[in-house]
């Protein structure tokens, strides 16, 4: 469970990282739309795990992740310029791809392919009689 301090710090980083990806460094990633899904911060606030969703990328997600890791120093510097007066330590950044949307689509596809037969009518009548008799 994250402390209130960690939660506030992660929200701050998420907001500022989103601004950085949208306004300051879109040219580094070939016009791909990068959104910050979640930021998880260590208890000492020295490490921030940033989960990203990438859309409209010309490259594969793994290539995009590698490009992000190459540019981590630049992104961290831009983050420092934005939050330096609010925090003592600028956290190290570690980027991960957030695959929750893909996972949700996969689960949705599984559910749509299920063949669930309707319940027999006599079972429904028996259940209604039991609930009415109580």
Protein backbone atom coordinates (compact mmCIF):
# COMPACT_ATOMS: atom_id res chain seq x y z
CA UNK A 1 0.00 0.00 0.00
CA UNK A 2 1.39 3.34 -1.01
CA UNK A 3 1.56 6.16 1.50
CA UNK A 4 -0.20 9.46 0.88
CA UNK A 5 3.17 11.01 0.14
CA UNK A 6 3.96 8.40 -2.51
CA UNK A 7 0.53 8.84 -4.07
CA UNK A 8 0.88 12.62 -4.28
CA UNK A 9 4.38 12.31 -5.69
CA UNK A 10 3.33 9.75 -8.30
CA UNK A 11 0.39 11.94 -9.40
CA UNK A 12 2.75 14.90 -9.78
CA UNK A 13 5.18 12.87 -11.87
CA UNK A 14 2.38 11.40 -13.98
CA UNK A 15 0.98 14.85 -14.77
CA UNK A 16 4.35 16.35 -15.61
CA UNK A 17 5.49 13.34 -17.66
CA UNK A 18 2.30 13.51 -19.71
CA UNK A 19 3.00 17.18 -20.46
CA UNK A 20 6.59 16.38 -21.41
CA UNK A 21 5.59 13.59 -23.81
CA UNK A 22 2.87 15.69 -25.43
CA UNK A 23 4.57 19.06 -25.69
CA UNK A 24 8.33 18.83 -25.40
CA UNK A 25 9.60 15.56 -26.86
CA UNK A 26 7.14 14.20 -29.44
CA UNK A 27 9.84 14.62 -32.10
CA UNK A 28 12.03 12.05 -30.34
CA UNK A 29 9.52 9.28 -30.94
CA UNK A 30 8.45 9.86 -34.51
CA UNK A 31 5.09 11.41 -33.72
CA UNK A 32 3.88 8.47 -31.64
CA UNK A 33 1.24 9.29 -29.06
CA UNK A 34 2.58 8.35 -25.63
CA UNK A 35 0.34 8.48 -22.60
CA UNK A 36 1.36 7.87 -19.01
CA UNK A 37 -0.92 5.21 -17.53
CA UNK A 38 0.49 4.78 -14.05
CA UNK A 39 3.48 5.92 -12.04
CA UNK A 40 4.61 3.83 -9.08
CA UNK A 41 7.12 5.43 -6.72
CA UNK A 42 9.42 3.64 -4.27
CA UNK A 43 9.01 4.45 -0.55
CA UNK A 44 12.17 6.59 -0.55
CA UNK A 45 10.89 8.49 -3.65
CA UNK A 46 14.15 7.73 -5.42
CA UNK A 47 12.74 5.48 -8.14
CA UNK A 48 9.70 6.02 -10.34
CA UNK A 49 8.35 3.19 -12.47
CA UNK A 50 6.49 4.83 -15.35
CA UNK A 51 3.97 2.71 -17.26
CA UNK A 52 3.26 4.00 -20.75
CA UNK A 53 0.74 3.32 -23.49
CA UNK A 54 1.99 3.92 -27.02
CA UNK A 55 -0.29 4.56 -29.99
CA UNK A 56 0.34 5.40 -33.63
CA UNK A 57 3.94 4.23 -33.39
CA UNK A 58 5.78 3.53 -36.61
CA UNK A 59 8.03 1.16 -34.69
CA UNK A 60 7.17 -1.89 -32.62
CA UNK A 61 6.46 -1.41 -28.94
CA UNK A 62 9.77 -2.99 -27.97
CA UNK A 63 11.68 -0.64 -30.29
CA UNK A 64 9.76 2.29 -28.82
CA UNK A 65 10.62 1.14 -25.30
CA UNK A 66 14.30 0.92 -26.28
CA UNK A 67 14.11 4.46 -27.70
CA UNK A 68 12.57 5.65 -24.43
CA UNK A 69 15.38 4.06 -22.45
CA UNK A 70 17.98 5.74 -24.65
CA UNK A 71 16.34 9.14 -24.02
CA UNK A 72 15.75 8.63 -20.28
CA UNK A 73 18.41 11.16 -19.33
CA UNK A 74 16.81 13.89 -21.46
CA UNK A 75 13.33 13.12 -20.15
CA UNK A 76 14.56 13.10 -16.54
CA UNK A 77 16.24 16.47 -17.10
CA UNK A 78 13.01 17.95 -18.47
CA UNK A 79 11.13 16.52 -15.48
CA UNK A 80 13.70 18.06 -13.13
CA UNK A 81 13.19 21.48 -14.71
CA UNK A 82 9.47 21.22 -13.99
CA UNK A 83 9.45 19.83 -10.43
CA UNK A 84 12.76 20.97 -8.93
CA UNK A 85 11.10 23.49 -6.58
CA UNK A 86 8.56 20.96 -5.30
CA UNK A 87 10.81 18.00 -4.47
CA UNK A 88 14.20 17.35 -2.95
CA UNK A 89 15.30 14.45 -5.14
CA UNK A 90 14.49 13.87 -8.79
CA UNK A 91 13.72 10.15 -9.05
CA UNK A 92 15.40 7.74 -11.40
CA UNK A 93 12.99 6.82 -14.18
CA UNK A 94 12.32 3.28 -15.37
CA UNK A 95 9.91 2.87 -18.27
CA UNK A 96 7.57 -0.05 -18.85
CA UNK A 97 4.92 -0.68 -21.48
CA UNK A 98 1.42 -0.81 -20.07
CA UNK A 99 -0.35 -3.69 -21.76
CA UNK A 100 -3.58 -3.47 -19.76
CA UNK A 101 -5.58 -2.29 -22.81
CA UNK A 102 -4.32 -5.23 -24.86
CA UNK A 103 -5.08 -7.58 -21.98
CA UNK A 104 -8.62 -6.19 -21.64
CA UNK A 105 -9.20 -6.63 -25.38
CA UNK A 106 -7.93 -10.20 -25.15
CA UNK A 107 -10.27 -11.03 -22.24
CA UNK A 108 -13.17 -9.36 -24.08
CA UNK A 109 -12.45 -11.52 -27.13
CA UNK A 110 -12.43 -14.66 -24.98
CA UNK A 111 -15.80 -13.72 -23.44
CA UNK A 112 -17.34 -12.97 -26.82
CA UNK A 113 -16.24 -16.40 -28.14
CA UNK A 114 -17.79 -18.33 -25.24
CA UNK A 115 -20.83 -20.42 -26.01
CA UNK A 116 -22.94 -20.37 -22.86
CA UNK A 117 -26.25 -22.19 -23.19
CA UNK A 118 -29.32 -20.64 -21.55
CA UNK A 119 -30.40 -22.05 -18.19
CA UNK A 120 -33.20 -24.61 -18.27
CA UNK A 121 -36.61 -23.08 -17.60
CA UNK A 122 -37.60 -25.56 -14.88
CA UNK A 123 -34.59 -24.50 -12.75
CA UNK A 124 -35.73 -20.86 -12.86
CA UNK A 125 -39.26 -21.83 -11.75
CA UNK A 126 -37.89 -23.91 -8.87
CA UNK A 127 -35.65 -21.06 -7.72
CA UNK A 128 -38.58 -18.61 -7.77
CA UNK A 129 -40.71 -21.00 -5.69
CA UNK A 130 -37.91 -21.32 -3.11
CA UNK A 131 -37.45 -17.55 -2.77
CA UNK A 132 -41.21 -16.96 -2.55
CA UNK A 133 -41.63 -19.57 0.18
CA UNK A 134 -39.03 -17.91 2.44
